[in-house]
Protein backbone atom coordinates (compact mmCIF):
# COMPACT_ATOMS: atom_id res chain seq x y z
CA UNK A 1 -8.95 23.55 -5.17
CA UNK A 2 -8.17 25.33 -8.41
CA UNK A 3 -5.07 23.23 -9.04
CA UNK A 4 -6.95 19.98 -8.65
CA UNK A 5 -10.42 20.28 -10.20
CA UNK A 6 -10.02 17.05 -12.15
CA UNK A 7 -10.29 13.78 -10.30
CA UNK A 8 -7.15 12.08 -9.02
CA UNK A 9 -7.61 9.36 -11.61
CA UNK A 10 -7.90 11.73 -14.55
CA UNK A 11 -5.01 13.85 -13.34
CA UNK A 12 -2.75 10.81 -13.03
CA UNK A 13 -3.85 9.43 -16.39
CA UNK A 14 -2.96 12.74 -17.99
CA UNK A 15 0.35 13.01 -16.11
CA UNK A 16 1.73 9.64 -17.21
CA UNK A 17 -0.14 9.51 -20.51
CA UNK A 18 -1.33 5.95 -19.91
CA UNK A 19 -4.96 5.57 -18.90
CA UNK A 20 -4.98 1.90 -17.90
CA UNK A 21 -1.71 1.91 -15.98
CA UNK A 22 -2.67 5.04 -14.04
CA UNK A 23 -5.97 3.43 -13.10
CA UNK A 24 -4.26 0.20 -12.08
CA UNK A 25 -1.82 1.94 -9.74
CA UNK A 26 -4.57 3.98 -8.10
CA UNK A 27 -6.88 0.97 -7.84
CA UNK A 28 -4.09 -1.12 -6.31
CA UNK A 29 -3.43 1.57 -3.69
CA UNK A 30 -7.13 2.00 -2.96
CA UNK A 31 -7.58 -1.79 -2.76
CA UNK A 32 -4.80 -2.06 -0.21
CA UNK A 33 -6.20 0.80 1.85
CA UNK A 34 -9.71 -0.66 1.77
CA UNK A 35 -8.72 -4.22 2.66
CA UNK A 36 -6.28 -3.05 5.33
CA UNK A 37 -9.03 -1.04 6.99
CA UNK A 38 -11.37 -4.03 6.82
CA UNK A 39 -8.69 -6.26 8.34
CA UNK A 40 -8.09 -3.78 11.17
CA UNK A 41 -11.83 -3.68 11.85
CA UNK A 42 -11.97 -7.48 11.80
CA UNK A 43 -9.03 -7.88 14.20
CA UNK A 44 -10.56 -5.23 16.45
CA UNK A 45 -13.78 -7.23 16.63
CA UNK A 46 -11.98 -10.52 17.23
CA UNK A 47 -10.87 -12.27 20.40
CA UNK A 48 -7.43 -13.71 21.10
CA UNK A 49 -8.99 -16.82 22.61
CA UNK A 50 -10.93 -17.75 19.47
CA UNK A 51 -9.68 -15.83 16.45
CA UNK A 52 -11.49 -16.14 13.15
CA UNK A 53 -9.73 -18.28 10.55
CA UNK A 54 -11.14 -16.72 7.40
CA UNK A 55 -8.86 -13.71 7.09
CA UNK A 56 -7.18 -14.85 3.88
CA UNK A 57 -10.35 -16.09 2.23
CA UNK A 58 -12.26 -12.92 2.97
CA UNK A 59 -9.69 -10.13 2.73
CA UNK A 60 -6.75 -11.11 0.50
CA UNK A 61 -5.82 -8.70 -2.30
CA UNK A 62 -4.82 -9.69 -5.82
CA UNK A 63 -1.07 -9.33 -6.09
CA UNK A 64 0.00 -7.33 -9.13
CA UNK A 65 2.57 -8.37 -11.70
CA UNK A 66 4.03 -5.10 -12.83
CA UNK A 67 6.88 -6.91 -14.57
CA UNK A 68 4.54 -8.92 -16.79
CA UNK A 69 3.82 -7.80 -20.35
CA UNK A 70 0.93 -5.35 -20.26
CA UNK A 71 -1.01 -7.03 -23.06
CA UNK A 72 -0.51 -8.51 -26.50
CA UNK A 73 -0.67 -5.09 -28.09
CA UNK A 74 1.76 -3.50 -25.65
CA UNK A 75 4.55 -5.96 -24.94
CA UNK A 76 6.45 -3.67 -22.58
CA UNK A 77 5.87 -4.50 -18.92
CA UNK A 78 4.06 -2.02 -16.71
CA UNK A 79 7.22 -1.16 -14.80
CA UNK A 80 8.97 -0.04 -17.98
CA UNK A 81 5.93 1.92 -19.08
CA UNK A 82 5.94 3.86 -15.79
CA UNK A 83 9.71 4.39 -15.93
CA UNK A 84 9.34 5.90 -19.40
CA UNK A 85 6.34 7.98 -18.39
CA UNK A 86 8.10 9.49 -15.38
CA UNK A 87 11.56 9.59 -17.02
CA UNK A 88 12.88 8.46 -13.66
CA UNK A 89 13.78 4.80 -13.15
CA UNK A 90 14.26 4.78 -9.38
CA UNK A 91 11.14 6.82 -8.75
CA UNK A 92 9.00 4.44 -10.79
CA UNK A 93 10.61 1.42 -9.15
CA UNK A 94 9.91 2.77 -5.65
CA UNK A 95 6.22 3.25 -6.44
CA UNK A 96 5.82 -0.22 -7.94
CA UNK A 97 8.00 -2.02 -5.39
CA UNK A 98 6.14 -0.38 -2.50
CA UNK A 99 2.78 -1.51 -3.85
CA UNK A 100 3.93 -5.05 -4.62
CA UNK A 101 5.73 -5.52 -1.30
CA UNK A 102 2.71 -4.35 0.68
CA UNK A 103 0.36 -6.60 -1.30
CA UNK A 104 2.53 -9.65 -0.62
CA UNK A 105 3.08 -8.81 3.05
CA UNK A 106 -0.61 -8.09 3.62
CA UNK A 107 -1.66 -11.44 2.16
CA UNK A 108 1.05 -13.14 4.22
CA UNK A 109 -0.33 -11.51 7.36
CA UNK A 110 -3.82 -12.82 6.65
CA UNK A 111 -2.48 -16.31 6.04
CA UNK A 112 -0.39 -16.14 9.21
CA UNK A 113 -3.37 -15.20 11.37
CA UNK A 114 -5.36 -18.07 9.86
CA UNK A 115 -2.48 -20.49 10.38
CA UNK A 116 -2.53 -19.84 14.11
CA UNK A 117 -5.76 -21.81 14.12
CA UNK A 118 -7.94 -19.52 16.15
CA UNK A 119 -5.40 -18.13 18.61
CA UNK A 120 -2.68 -15.50 18.70
CA UNK A 121 0.59 -17.14 19.67
CA UNK A 122 3.38 -16.00 17.36
CA UNK A 123 5.34 -12.91 18.33
CA UNK A 124 7.25 -12.43 15.09
CA UNK A 125 4.68 -10.48 13.09
CA UNK A 126 6.80 -7.35 12.86
CA UNK A 127 10.13 -9.12 12.40
CA UNK A 128 8.82 -11.37 9.63
CA UNK A 129 6.32 -9.20 7.77
CA UNK A 130 7.17 -5.51 8.21
CA UNK A 131 7.58 -3.57 4.97
CA UNK A 132 10.18 -0.93 4.18
CA UNK A 133 8.28 2.33 4.28
CA UNK A 134 8.89 5.14 1.82
CA UNK A 135 10.77 8.04 3.39
CA UNK A 136 9.06 10.54 1.14
CA UNK A 137 10.91 13.62 2.33
CA UNK A 138 14.44 12.27 2.77
CA UNK A 139 17.01 13.09 0.11
CA UNK A 140 17.97 10.13 -2.03
CA UNK A 141 21.45 8.71 -1.86
CA UNK A 142 21.88 7.90 -5.53
CA UNK A 143 23.05 10.37 -8.13
CA UNK A 144 19.79 10.13 -10.03
CA UNK A 145 17.71 10.59 -6.92
CA UNK A 146 19.27 13.32 -4.79
CA UNK A 147 15.97 15.14 -4.42
CA UNK A 148 13.41 13.73 -1.97
CA UNK A 149 10.98 11.16 -3.36
CA UNK A 150 8.10 13.60 -2.90
CA UNK A 151 9.75 16.40 -4.85
CA UNK A 152 10.89 14.03 -7.56
CA UNK A 153 7.34 12.81 -8.13
CA UNK A 154 5.91 16.32 -7.99
CA UNK A 155 8.31 17.29 -10.75
CA UNK A 156 7.73 14.13 -12.79
CA UNK A 157 3.94 14.51 -12.91
CA UNK A 158 3.97 18.33 -12.81
CA UNK A 159 1.19 18.23 -10.23
CA UNK A 160 2.00 18.82 -6.57
CA UNK A 161 -1.29 17.70 -5.04
CA UNK A 162 -1.49 14.57 -7.19
CA UNK A 163 2.03 13.56 -6.18
CA UNK A 164 1.35 14.25 -2.51
CA UNK A 165 -1.87 12.23 -2.46
CA UNK A 166 -0.26 9.22 -4.10
CA UNK A 167 2.83 9.28 -1.87
CA UNK A 168 0.87 9.87 1.32
CA UNK A 169 -1.56 7.06 0.45
CA UNK A 170 1.25 4.53 -0.02
CA UNK A 171 3.30 5.71 2.95
CA UNK A 172 0.22 5.85 5.18
CA UNK A 173 -0.76 2.29 4.34
CA UNK A 174 2.79 1.10 4.98
CA UNK A 175 2.91 2.83 8.37
CA UNK A 176 -0.51 1.51 9.42
CA UNK A 177 0.44 -2.02 8.39
CA UNK A 178 3.69 -1.95 10.34
CA UNK A 179 1.93 -0.49 13.39
CA UNK A 180 -0.65 -3.27 13.30
CA UNK A 181 2.11 -5.88 13.14
CA UNK A 182 3.75 -4.39 16.22
CA UNK A 183 0.43 -4.43 18.06
CA UNK A 184 -0.18 -8.07 17.08
CA UNK A 185 3.18 -8.97 18.61
CA UNK A 186 2.15 -7.27 21.84
CA UNK A 187 -1.17 -9.09 21.94
CA UNK A 188 0.26 -12.46 21.03
CA UNK A 189 2.75 -12.16 23.87
CA UNK A 190 0.10 -12.50 26.53
CA UNK A 191 -2.99 -10.37 26.05
CA UNK A 192 -6.20 -12.36 26.27
CA UNK A 193 -9.77 -11.68 25.35
CA UNK A 194 -11.24 -8.99 23.19
CA UNK A 195 -9.03 -6.76 21.04
CA UNK A 196 -11.62 -4.00 20.81
CA UNK A 197 -10.21 -0.56 20.20
CA UNK A 198 -6.61 -1.56 19.59
CA UNK A 199 -6.52 -1.71 15.80
CA UNK A 200 -9.07 0.73 14.38
CA UNK A 201 -6.82 3.68 15.36
CA UNK A 202 -4.42 2.48 12.66
CA UNK A 203 -7.02 2.79 9.90
CA UNK A 204 -6.07 5.02 6.98
CA UNK A 205 -8.06 7.59 5.02
CA UNK A 206 -8.61 6.02 1.63
CA UNK A 207 -8.09 7.99 -1.53
CA UNK A 208 -11.06 8.93 -3.71
CA UNK A 209 -9.70 8.44 -7.24
CA UNK A 210 -12.85 9.57 -9.02
CA UNK A 211 -13.80 12.53 -6.86
CA UNK A 212 -12.97 15.93 -8.31
């Protein structure tokens, strides 16, 4: 597409004028998508009567610390850098908070499955671990954020397709995660045996940050 000949990574780096932070955000999103898909495959191949107990050790993601100082040379934290780059505090916060919340919740899910010691018994997956999904196309309620999240990001990065890909990647992972939690509650409530075919439908299409 003529608007998007550069890779997603290069476009985002140019848009926020910060190479490392742009790469980190994209890599965090891709990491979540990849590990979520692997977890869905693993659950799909598992059995409620004898669940694996290596979910956390094999699939956990590294939780980011966007509020930590970026490095010795750049003492501002990554959150502030993104806020300045987008000139939009709430927009930057929503991106970072969505990534961090999903990372924490995903790791908690893996630990919770392991803690059930080989069986599915708990029925509070959704109530205890569900994340608040981005409503990308709803108008914001705050004065600074009356435009929808999607339009705000499109304007901030001056690149419609880049903004859409980033938003859809985050929102898609959130939706898939919450759907999997709901399905786990259903299975834990009485389903027995193989889980084949129940979780792979929730898999997401991962972004390709370095593909033009």
